[in-house]
Protein backbone atom coordinates (compact mmCIF):
# COMPACT_ATOMS: atom_id res chain seq x y z
CA UNK A 1 -16.08 -28.33 -59.02
CA UNK A 2 -17.83 -30.72 -56.04
CA UNK A 3 -20.55 -28.89 -54.14
CA UNK A 4 -20.67 -26.77 -51.85
CA UNK A 5 -21.73 -28.36 -48.30
CA UNK A 6 -25.16 -27.65 -47.16
CA UNK A 7 -24.23 -26.17 -43.74
CA UNK A 8 -21.86 -23.73 -44.68
CA UNK A 9 -23.87 -20.46 -45.43
CA UNK A 10 -26.90 -21.13 -43.47
CA UNK A 11 -28.31 -19.02 -41.25
CA UNK A 12 -28.18 -21.17 -38.29
CA UNK A 13 -24.12 -21.15 -38.95
CA UNK A 14 -23.51 -18.02 -38.50
CA UNK A 15 -25.90 -17.45 -36.10
CA UNK A 16 -23.85 -20.10 -33.82
CA UNK A 17 -20.50 -17.79 -34.66
CA UNK A 18 -22.07 -15.04 -32.92
CA UNK A 19 -23.02 -16.98 -30.31
CA UNK A 20 -19.38 -17.73 -29.64
CA UNK A 21 -18.23 -14.26 -29.99
CA UNK A 22 -20.58 -12.95 -27.27
CA UNK A 23 -19.82 -16.41 -25.56
CA UNK A 24 -16.25 -15.19 -25.46
CA UNK A 25 -17.06 -11.52 -24.75
CA UNK A 26 -18.94 -12.41 -21.42
CA UNK A 27 -16.16 -15.15 -20.56
CA UNK A 28 -13.45 -12.12 -21.07
CA UNK A 29 -15.77 -9.50 -18.77
CA UNK A 30 -16.05 -12.03 -16.21
CA UNK A 31 -12.64 -12.84 -16.07
CA UNK A 32 -11.65 -8.91 -15.46
CA UNK A 33 -13.86 -8.34 -12.69
CA UNK A 34 -13.13 -11.39 -10.82
CA UNK A 35 -10.90 -10.60 -7.47
CA UNK A 36 -7.57 -10.97 -7.34
CA UNK A 37 -6.36 -12.78 -4.79
CA UNK A 38 -3.13 -12.48 -3.36
CA UNK A 39 -1.03 -14.09 -0.57
CA UNK A 40 0.46 -12.35 2.37
CA UNK A 41 3.23 -13.09 5.07
CA UNK A 42 2.79 -12.51 8.48
CA UNK A 43 5.02 -12.13 11.46
CA UNK A 44 5.70 -12.01 14.59
CA UNK A 45 2.90 -13.83 15.75
CA UNK A 46 3.11 -12.00 19.01
CA UNK A 47 3.23 -9.17 17.45
CA UNK A 48 -0.21 -6.99 16.79
CA UNK A 49 0.43 -7.17 12.31
CA UNK A 50 -1.44 -10.49 12.49
CA UNK A 51 -4.03 -8.96 13.95
CA UNK A 52 -4.32 -6.04 11.77
CA UNK A 53 -3.61 -8.08 8.77
CA UNK A 54 -6.68 -10.36 9.77
CA UNK A 55 -8.78 -7.08 10.36
CA UNK A 56 -7.88 -5.84 6.59
CA UNK A 57 -8.74 -9.19 5.08
CA UNK A 58 -11.83 -9.72 6.21
CA UNK A 59 -12.57 -6.03 5.25
CA UNK A 60 -11.63 -6.42 1.75
CA UNK A 61 -14.28 -9.88 1.87
CA UNK A 62 -16.93 -7.87 3.57
CA UNK A 63 -16.32 -4.60 1.71
CA UNK A 64 -16.29 -6.99 -1.43
CA UNK A 65 -13.37 -5.49 -2.75
CA UNK A 66 -11.43 -6.63 -6.05
CA UNK A 67 -8.80 -8.11 -3.64
CA UNK A 68 -8.70 -10.77 -1.26
CA UNK A 69 -6.08 -12.33 1.04
CA UNK A 70 -4.45 -15.66 1.82
CA UNK A 71 -2.42 -15.47 5.05
CA UNK A 72 0.37 -17.63 5.73
CA UNK A 73 1.64 -17.04 9.36
CA UNK A 74 5.33 -17.02 10.83
CA UNK A 75 7.02 -17.18 13.81
CA UNK A 76 9.97 -14.27 12.95
CA UNK A 77 9.65 -11.45 10.39
CA UNK A 78 12.89 -13.20 8.92
CA UNK A 79 10.58 -16.19 7.60
CA UNK A 80 7.76 -13.65 6.73
CA UNK A 81 10.52 -11.85 4.43
CA UNK A 82 12.18 -15.57 3.22
CA UNK A 83 9.07 -16.34 2.25
CA UNK A 84 8.12 -13.10 -0.04
CA UNK A 85 11.81 -13.66 -1.79
CA UNK A 86 11.00 -17.20 -2.06
CA UNK A 87 8.34 -16.61 -3.89
CA UNK A 88 5.72 -18.30 -1.39
CA UNK A 89 3.90 -14.82 -1.09
CA UNK A 90 2.80 -11.97 -3.44
CA UNK A 91 3.01 -9.56 -0.12
CA UNK A 92 4.68 -9.81 3.66
CA UNK A 93 5.23 -8.24 6.64
CA UNK A 94 8.56 -6.99 6.95
CA UNK A 95 11.04 -5.66 9.26
CA UNK A 96 13.62 -3.98 7.02
CA UNK A 97 16.74 -4.46 9.34
CA UNK A 98 16.46 -7.88 9.94
CA UNK A 99 16.19 -9.00 6.10
CA UNK A 100 14.91 -7.12 3.32
CA UNK A 101 13.72 -9.36 0.48
CA UNK A 102 15.70 -8.41 -2.51
CA UNK A 103 12.42 -8.34 -4.34
CA UNK A 104 10.40 -6.50 -1.76
CA UNK A 105 9.05 -3.14 -2.61
CA UNK A 106 6.92 -0.91 0.05
CA UNK A 107 3.95 -0.59 0.14
CA UNK A 108 2.82 1.02 3.51
CA UNK A 109 4.47 1.38 6.99
CA UNK A 110 2.10 -0.55 9.34
CA UNK A 111 4.06 0.41 12.81
CA UNK A 112 7.20 2.96 13.43
CA UNK A 113 9.24 1.98 16.71
CA UNK A 114 11.64 3.80 18.29
CA UNK A 115 14.38 2.57 21.07
CA UNK A 116 13.35 4.32 23.82
CA UNK A 117 15.90 3.49 27.01
CA UNK A 118 13.70 5.36 30.11
CA UNK A 119 15.61 5.77 34.03
CA UNK A 120 14.88 7.91 36.67
CA UNK A 121 16.39 11.57 36.69
CA UNK A 122 18.59 10.79 39.02
CA UNK A 123 20.47 7.93 37.35
CA UNK A 124 21.98 10.09 35.07
CA UNK A 125 21.66 8.18 32.08
CA UNK A 126 21.01 10.84 29.24
CA UNK A 127 23.13 9.21 25.90
CA UNK A 128 24.46 6.28 25.10
CA UNK A 129 28.13 6.93 26.36
CA UNK A 130 26.58 7.05 30.05
CA UNK A 131 25.06 2.98 29.61
CA UNK A 132 28.94 2.20 30.26
CA UNK A 133 29.02 -0.07 33.07
CA UNK A 134 24.96 -0.72 33.43
CA UNK A 135 22.63 -2.75 33.42
CA UNK A 136 20.26 -2.48 31.00
CA UNK A 137 16.58 -4.47 30.89
CA UNK A 138 14.60 -5.52 28.22
CA UNK A 139 11.74 -7.84 27.41
CA UNK A 140 12.71 -11.17 26.87
CA UNK A 141 11.19 -11.82 23.17
CA UNK A 142 12.49 -10.78 19.91
CA UNK A 143 15.87 -11.24 18.46
CA UNK A 144 15.63 -8.40 16.62
CA UNK A 145 15.66 -6.23 19.40
CA UNK A 146 18.19 -7.58 20.42
CA UNK A 147 20.31 -6.99 17.28
CA UNK A 148 19.53 -3.39 16.54
CA UNK A 149 20.68 -2.62 20.25
CA UNK A 150 24.24 -4.45 19.42
CA UNK A 151 24.76 -2.39 16.50
CA UNK A 152 23.57 0.81 18.06
CA UNK A 153 26.20 0.45 20.92
CA UNK A 154 28.73 -0.70 19.15
CA UNK A 155 28.52 2.55 17.14
CA UNK A 156 29.31 3.68 20.56
CA UNK A 157 32.43 1.52 21.05
CA UNK A 158 30.13 -0.43 24.17
CA UNK A 159 30.37 -3.76 24.16
CA UNK A 160 27.04 -6.31 24.79
CA UNK A 161 27.40 -8.32 27.34
CA UNK A 162 25.66 -11.97 27.06
CA UNK A 163 21.95 -11.29 28.46
CA UNK A 164 21.52 -12.50 31.77
CA UNK A 165 17.75 -13.05 33.48
CA UNK A 166 17.33 -11.84 37.08
CA UNK A 167 14.51 -12.50 39.62
CA UNK A 168 11.60 -10.67 39.61
CA UNK A 169 8.17 -10.45 41.85
CA UNK A 170 6.90 -9.64 45.16
CA UNK A 171 9.64 -12.18 46.69
CA UNK A 172 12.68 -10.81 45.49
CA UNK A 173 14.83 -8.64 47.98
CA UNK A 174 15.34 -5.13 47.51
CA UNK A 175 18.62 -3.34 47.45
CA UNK A 176 20.97 -6.08 46.38
CA UNK A 177 22.88 -4.13 43.69
CA UNK A 178 24.78 -6.49 41.54
CA UNK A 179 28.40 -6.68 40.67
CA UNK A 180 30.24 -3.76 38.85
CA UNK A 181 31.15 -4.29 34.99
CA UNK A 182 33.26 -3.21 32.87
CA UNK A 183 33.28 0.34 31.90
CA UNK A 184 32.87 0.13 28.06
CA UNK A 185 30.64 -2.84 29.02
CA UNK A 186 26.69 -3.04 28.92
CA UNK A 187 25.07 -5.86 30.45
CA UNK A 188 21.26 -6.81 28.92
CA UNK A 189 18.69 -8.36 31.42
CA UNK A 190 16.11 -10.05 30.34
CA UNK A 191 12.93 -8.53 33.10
CA UNK A 192 9.42 -7.90 32.31
CA UNK A 193 8.48 -4.97 31.15
CA UNK A 194 5.93 -5.12 33.93
CA UNK A 195 8.42 -4.88 36.23
CA UNK A 196 11.00 -2.40 34.57
CA UNK A 197 10.06 0.17 37.60
CA UNK A 198 10.06 -2.19 40.65
CA UNK A 199 13.84 -4.12 38.87
CA UNK A 200 15.02 0.14 38.59
CA UNK A 201 13.72 0.87 42.37
CA UNK A 202 15.25 -2.89 43.85
CA UNK A 203 18.72 -1.38 41.48
CA UNK A 204 18.63 -4.77 39.45
CA UNK A 205 18.63 -2.42 36.44
CA UNK A 206 19.74 0.50 35.71
CA UNK A 207 17.69 1.80 32.69
CA UNK A 208 15.05 -0.08 30.72
CA UNK A 209 15.20 -0.35 26.53
CA UNK A 210 12.11 -1.31 24.47
CA UNK A 211 11.84 -0.90 20.79
CA UNK A 212 8.52 -0.16 20.43
CA UNK A 213 5.87 2.48 18.54
CA UNK A 214 6.55 5.84 20.54
CA UNK A 215 2.34 6.46 21.28
CA UNK A 216 1.45 3.18 22.19
CA UNK A 217 -0.58 2.65 25.03
CA UNK A 218 2.33 0.51 26.35
CA UNK A 219 5.01 2.86 25.97
CA UNK A 220 2.78 5.41 28.03
CA UNK A 221 2.48 2.78 30.95
CA UNK A 222 6.43 2.24 30.66
CA UNK A 223 7.03 5.85 31.29
CA UNK A 224 4.05 6.54 33.97
CA UNK A 225 5.99 2.78 35.83
CA UNK A 226 9.13 4.58 35.69
CA UNK A 227 8.36 7.96 36.26
CA UNK A 228 6.23 7.00 39.48
CA UNK A 229 9.55 5.29 41.48
CA UNK A 230 11.60 8.75 40.78
CA UNK A 231 12.12 10.78 43.53
CA UNK A 232 11.04 13.82 42.14
CA UNK A 233 8.61 12.47 39.16
CA UNK A 234 11.34 13.28 36.50
CA UNK A 235 12.91 10.89 34.02
CA UNK A 236 15.49 10.74 31.69
CA UNK A 237 15.38 9.97 28.12
CA UNK A 238 18.35 8.45 26.31
CA UNK A 239 19.04 10.58 23.55
CA UNK A 240 20.81 9.52 20.17
CA UNK A 241 22.26 12.77 18.82
CA UNK A 242 24.00 11.54 16.05
CA UNK A 243 21.25 9.77 14.48
CA UNK A 244 21.59 10.59 10.88
CA UNK A 245 25.37 9.28 11.28
CA UNK A 246 24.19 6.23 12.97
CA UNK A 247 21.66 5.85 9.97
CA UNK A 248 24.69 6.28 7.38
CA UNK A 249 26.05 3.29 9.46
CA UNK A 250 22.92 0.86 9.02
CA UNK A 251 20.51 2.60 6.42
CA UNK A 252 18.16 0.03 7.05
CA UNK A 253 16.64 1.53 10.46
CA UNK A 254 15.52 5.08 10.81
CA UNK A 255 15.85 8.39 12.35
CA UNK A 256 12.94 9.07 14.55
CA UNK A 257 11.91 11.72 16.90
CA UNK A 258 9.97 11.44 19.99
CA UNK A 259 7.91 14.93 20.00
CA UNK A 260 8.47 17.26 23.11
CA UNK A 261 4.99 16.68 25.53
CA UNK A 262 4.44 13.17 23.71
CA UNK A 263 4.20 11.79 27.30
CA UNK A 264 1.99 14.85 29.06
CA UNK A 265 2.82 15.61 33.07
CA UNK A 266 3.63 18.80 34.64
CA UNK A 267 5.98 19.83 33.30
CA UNK A 268 5.87 18.33 29.89
CA UNK A 269 7.51 15.06 29.02
CA UNK A 270 9.72 15.17 27.52
CA UNK A 271 10.90 18.81 27.99
CA UNK A 272 12.11 18.43 24.17
CA UNK A 273 12.51 16.61 20.64
CA UNK A 274 14.27 13.90 21.46
CA UNK A 275 16.30 12.12 18.64
CA UNK A 276 16.34 8.38 18.58
CA UNK A 277 16.65 5.59 15.84
CA UNK A 278 14.41 2.47 15.30
CA UNK A 279 12.97 -0.02 12.95
CA UNK A 280 9.72 -0.36 10.96
CA UNK A 281 7.62 -2.72 9.94
CA UNK A 282 6.12 -2.81 6.97
CA UNK A 283 3.59 -4.19 3.84
CA UNK A 284 6.00 -5.12 1.18
CA UNK A 285 5.06 -6.37 -2.51
CA UNK A 286 6.86 -8.41 -5.31
CA UNK A 287 8.94 -5.78 -7.88
CA UNK A 288 6.51 -8.06 -10.00
CA UNK A 289 3.41 -7.36 -8.51
CA UNK A 290 1.46 -5.13 -11.62
CA UNK A 291 1.49 -1.56 -10.46
CA UNK A 292 -2.90 -1.80 -10.90
CA UNK A 293 -2.78 -4.29 -8.62
CA UNK A 294 -0.61 -3.08 -5.77
CA UNK A 295 -2.13 0.73 -6.49
CA UNK A 296 -5.97 -1.37 -5.34
CA UNK A 297 -3.87 -2.92 -2.39
CA UNK A 298 -2.73 0.44 -1.20
CA UNK A 299 -6.06 2.05 -1.93
CA UNK A 300 -8.22 -0.84 0.09
CA UNK A 301 -5.26 -0.45 3.24
CA UNK A 302 -6.16 2.83 4.03
CA UNK A 303 -9.56 3.47 3.04
CA UNK A 304 -10.53 0.54 5.23
CA UNK A 305 -8.35 1.11 7.92
CA UNK A 306 -11.43 2.83 10.09
CA UNK A 307 -12.81 -0.50 9.64
CA UNK A 308 -9.87 -2.64 10.79
CA UNK A 309 -9.17 0.18 13.52
CA UNK A 310 -12.87 -1.39 15.38
CA UNK A 311 -10.89 -4.78 15.33
CA UNK A 312 -7.41 -3.56 16.44
CA UNK A 313 -5.47 -0.37 17.60
CA UNK A 314 -3.39 -1.17 14.87
CA UNK A 315 -4.49 -0.06 12.30
CA UNK A 316 -4.22 3.87 13.50
CA UNK A 317 -0.42 3.29 13.45
CA UNK A 318 -0.42 2.65 9.58
CA UNK A 319 1.10 5.44 7.44
CA UNK A 320 2.31 6.06 4.01
CA UNK A 321 6.31 6.00 3.77
CA UNK A 322 8.10 9.74 3.57
CA UNK A 323 9.48 10.80 0.27
CA UNK A 324 10.00 13.93 -1.70
CA UNK A 325 9.59 13.38 -5.13
CA UNK A 326 8.76 10.10 -7.10
CA UNK A 327 12.81 9.95 -8.12
CA UNK A 328 13.19 9.88 -4.56
CA UNK A 329 10.55 7.12 -3.42
CA UNK A 330 12.01 5.09 -6.09
CA UNK A 331 15.59 5.53 -5.72
CA UNK A 332 15.69 5.20 -2.19
CA UNK A 333 16.98 2.48 0.51
CA UNK A 334 14.14 0.95 0.91
CA UNK A 335 12.41 2.08 -2.35
CA UNK A 336 8.83 2.29 -2.51
CA UNK A 337 6.72 0.12 -5.17
CA UNK A 338 5.43 2.51 -8.26
CA UNK A 339 2.09 1.23 -7.63
CA UNK A 340 1.80 2.43 -4.14
CA UNK A 341 3.55 6.31 -5.49
CA UNK A 342 0.64 5.76 -7.85
CA UNK A 343 -2.00 5.73 -5.29
CA UNK A 344 -0.01 8.14 -3.45
CA UNK A 345 0.35 10.76 -5.86
CA UNK A 346 -3.68 9.96 -7.57
CA UNK A 347 -2.68 8.29 -10.40
CA UNK A 348 -3.78 5.28 -10.87
CA UNK A 349 -4.68 3.61 -14.03
CA UNK A 350 -8.63 2.98 -14.67
CA UNK A 351 -10.01 0.29 -16.29
CA UNK A 352 -8.76 1.18 -20.07
CA UNK A 353 -5.47 2.12 -19.23
CA UNK A 354 -5.11 -0.98 -16.87
CA UNK A 355 -5.82 -3.14 -19.73
CA UNK A 356 -5.76 -1.30 -22.77
CA UNK A 357 -3.45 -3.24 -24.44
CA UNK A 358 -5.47 -6.73 -24.01
CA UNK A 359 -9.00 -4.70 -25.12
CA UNK A 360 -6.29 -3.08 -28.02
CA UNK A 361 -5.41 -6.91 -29.04
CA UNK A 362 -8.80 -8.06 -28.37
CA UNK A 363 -10.51 -5.92 -30.75
CA UNK A 364 -7.56 -6.16 -33.28
CA UNK A 365 -8.58 -10.07 -33.06
CA UNK A 366 -12.15 -9.38 -33.20
CA UNK A 367 -11.75 -7.18 -36.31
CA UNK A 368 -9.55 -9.73 -38.20
CA UNK A 369 -12.22 -12.68 -37.42
CA UNK A 370 -15.13 -10.37 -39.09
CA UNK A 371 -12.55 -9.65 -41.68
CA UNK A 372 -11.99 -13.53 -42.31
CA UNK A 373 -15.78 -14.30 -42.05
CA UNK A 374 -16.93 -11.32 -44.58
CA UNK A 375 -13.75 -12.80 -46.61
CA UNK A 376 -14.93 -16.28 -46.40
CA UNK A 377 -18.73 -15.97 -46.54
CA UNK A 378 -17.56 -13.77 -49.87
CA UNK A 379 -15.62 -16.35 -50.92
CA UNK A 380 -18.10 -19.12 -50.67
CA UNK A 381 -20.52 -17.20 -52.31
CA UNK A 382 -18.19 -16.45 -55.18
CA UNK A 383 -17.85 -20.09 -55.52
CA UNK A 384 -21.18 -20.71 -56.03
CA UNK A 385 -22.06 -18.02 -58.53
CA UNK A 386 -18.63 -20.04 -59.83
CA UNK A 387 -21.10 -23.36 -59.63
CA UNK A 388 -24.06 -21.97 -61.48
CA UNK A 389 -21.51 -20.71 -64.30
CA UNK A 390 -19.95 -24.18 -65.03
CA UNK A 391 -23.88 -25.77 -64.47
CA UNK A 392 -24.87 -23.13 -67.29
CA UNK A 393 -21.94 -24.21 -69.03
CA UNK A 394 -22.33 -27.46 -68.84
CA UNK A 395 -26.57 -27.21 -69.65
CA UNK A 396 -25.37 -26.04 -73.17
CA UNK A 397 -22.92 -28.42 -73.69
CA UNK A 398 -25.18 -31.02 -73.41
CA UNK A 399 -27.04 -28.83 -76.25
CA UNK A 400 -24.65 -29.27 -78.42
CA UNK A 401 -23.57 -32.86 -77.31
CA UNK A 402 -26.73 -34.30 -77.42
CA UNK A 403 -27.76 -33.51 -81.29
CA UNK A 404 -24.87 -35.28 -82.22
CA UNK A 405 -25.37 -38.50 -80.64
CA UNK A 406 -27.65 -41.62 -81.99
CA UNK A 407 -27.64 -43.17 -79.15
CA UNK A 408 -30.77 -43.85 -77.52
CA UNK A 409 -29.00 -44.75 -74.43
CA UNK A 410 -26.20 -42.05 -74.03
CA UNK A 411 -29.49 -39.44 -75.08
CA UNK A 412 -31.21 -40.86 -71.70
CA UNK A 413 -27.32 -40.58 -69.70
CA UNK A 414 -27.90 -37.09 -70.63
CA UNK A 415 -31.45 -36.51 -69.11
CA UNK A 416 -30.27 -38.15 -65.89
CA UNK A 417 -27.71 -35.73 -65.29
CA UNK A 418 -29.93 -32.75 -66.52
CA UNK A 419 -32.19 -33.66 -63.89
CA UNK A 420 -29.23 -33.99 -61.62
CA UNK A 421 -27.86 -30.45 -62.26
CA UNK A 422 -32.02 -29.58 -62.25
CA UNK A 423 -31.74 -30.60 -58.13
CA UNK A 424 -28.29 -28.75 -57.36
CA UNK A 425 -29.83 -25.72 -58.69
CA UNK A 426 -32.86 -26.07 -56.56
CA UNK A 427 -30.84 -26.50 -53.52
CA UNK A 428 -28.63 -24.16 -53.85
CA UNK A 429 -31.82 -21.50 -54.33
CA UNK A 430 -33.28 -22.19 -51.32
CA UNK A 431 -30.06 -21.94 -49.65
CA UNK A 432 -30.17 -18.29 -50.59
CA UNK A 433 -31.82 -16.42 -52.83
CA UNK A 434 -30.31 -15.67 -56.44
CA UNK A 435 -30.62 -12.39 -59.14
CA UNK A 436 -33.52 -12.72 -61.44
CA UNK A 437 -30.65 -12.69 -64.14
CA UNK A 438 -28.50 -15.48 -62.81
CA UNK A 439 -31.90 -17.39 -62.17
CA UNK A 440 -33.59 -16.62 -65.59
CA UNK A 441 -30.30 -17.89 -67.68
CA UNK A 442 -29.97 -21.33 -65.45
CA UNK A 443 -33.95 -21.90 -66.14
CA UNK A 444 -33.29 -21.22 -70.03
CA UNK A 445 -30.58 -23.27 -70.36
CA UNK A 446 -32.53 -26.49 -68.13
CA UNK A 447 -35.23 -25.78 -70.40
CA UNK A 448 -33.67 -25.90 -73.64
CA UNK A 449 -31.23 -28.80 -72.72
CA UNK A 450 -34.26 -30.82 -71.93
CA UNK A 451 -35.86 -29.95 -74.71
CA UNK A 452 -32.92 -30.45 -77.36
CA UNK A 453 -32.64 -34.10 -75.36
CA UNK A 454 -36.30 -34.87 -75.86
CA UNK A 455 -36.30 -34.21 -79.34
CA UNK A 456 -33.02 -36.48 -80.10
CA UNK A 457 -34.41 -39.49 -77.99
CA UNK A 458 -38.00 -38.71 -80.08
CA UNK A 459 -35.26 -38.29 -83.70
CA UNK A 460 -33.92 -41.68 -82.42
CA UNK A 461 -37.17 -44.24 -82.41
CA UNK A 462 -37.65 -43.61 -78.65
CA UNK A 463 -40.86 -42.77 -77.13
CA UNK A 464 -40.39 -39.80 -74.70
CA UNK A 465 -43.12 -39.00 -71.93
CA UNK A 466 -43.59 -34.64 -72.72
CA UNK A 467 -41.66 -32.46 -69.85
CA UNK A 468 -43.48 -30.13 -67.94
CA UNK A 469 -42.15 -26.91 -68.71
């Protein structure tokens, strides 16, 4: 049987194995502790969301959180939603009524918007049917707002006429009322929001519509400007009494209630709650994003809201999506990500729960490796014992064989073989400590073989130098 390699059971070999195991453990710890970078698609460029997400990303980096954001900017929310749907982004700012990604789940509502239609009290425009034959001013920007208004008007059998642009500014003559419109037609007039009050006063428009957060400063400024041109200081907000039915027709919109007294004043404005509809800008994540990562993103979004609010007021409007039960949240028309629900219900997973399967696998692999090393060590030790037994048996055979030989050359060859076997035993003793019983047996076999070979050489007439014991 061939001799075992010298390096197999050296202490240095096992020390190297232990060092490699420790290095692997440290590498795994560093891998699990490093920050996760997510790509987020942000739109629209002229909205408040880019500043909000930038402030959020800066707060994450400043706080050295376990999440980092890579921002992709787009002109329109349709493009940002498409980026999430196509897999180019992990997170996205989405307006569901424009495009709801097939693989998108809600983490938080960044901004709720209400459709506000304001007009002086004298106009008598208090409901959608009374918009028939009127001109409605609208800020000339997002196409999403146009489609929202078109759908709501269609619900009330009103036809939206092609938008027109009217001149605005100090040089525009007042009192020039435009031509009358067909009874079921509403004409949109593109006009800057800051000129809405002047356009109503000059009868270029009858009311002004804005898709905006009702509590936003721009909404309050719009209401104040229109109230300022009213003779009695009163104005009307168009109510949508069938908002629940409208939502059933257009499920990606949402019912919004403007609370009484939101705009203040004496008497308070509005005098009663105003029901309307609106849309929301949402932070959505891909469905395949892990619950743990989604929970972390949601947690940081709300915990860092104060820090983000120092950079932009938009952080003040971030809120959790409303839901009654977990089942309702996950089965809603615009479902909520399970990871976000974990955060809202304080059921976030700890380190062991997050990486339990991985830790279990690593522990199983480590246990298996340790068992394999122990078996290998035991097996190699067994092989060495077998080799020593073979050496001992061979020495005993040499003792018997030498007595039967008469050729001095053959006897001399046995003497050389004894020396080689003795050298092999010495090397094995240096590699590991042998028990006294085995060592005594091998020593006796070596001395007996040498003595027998020396006697046989002498009997064959060959002078042999005495051998030290």
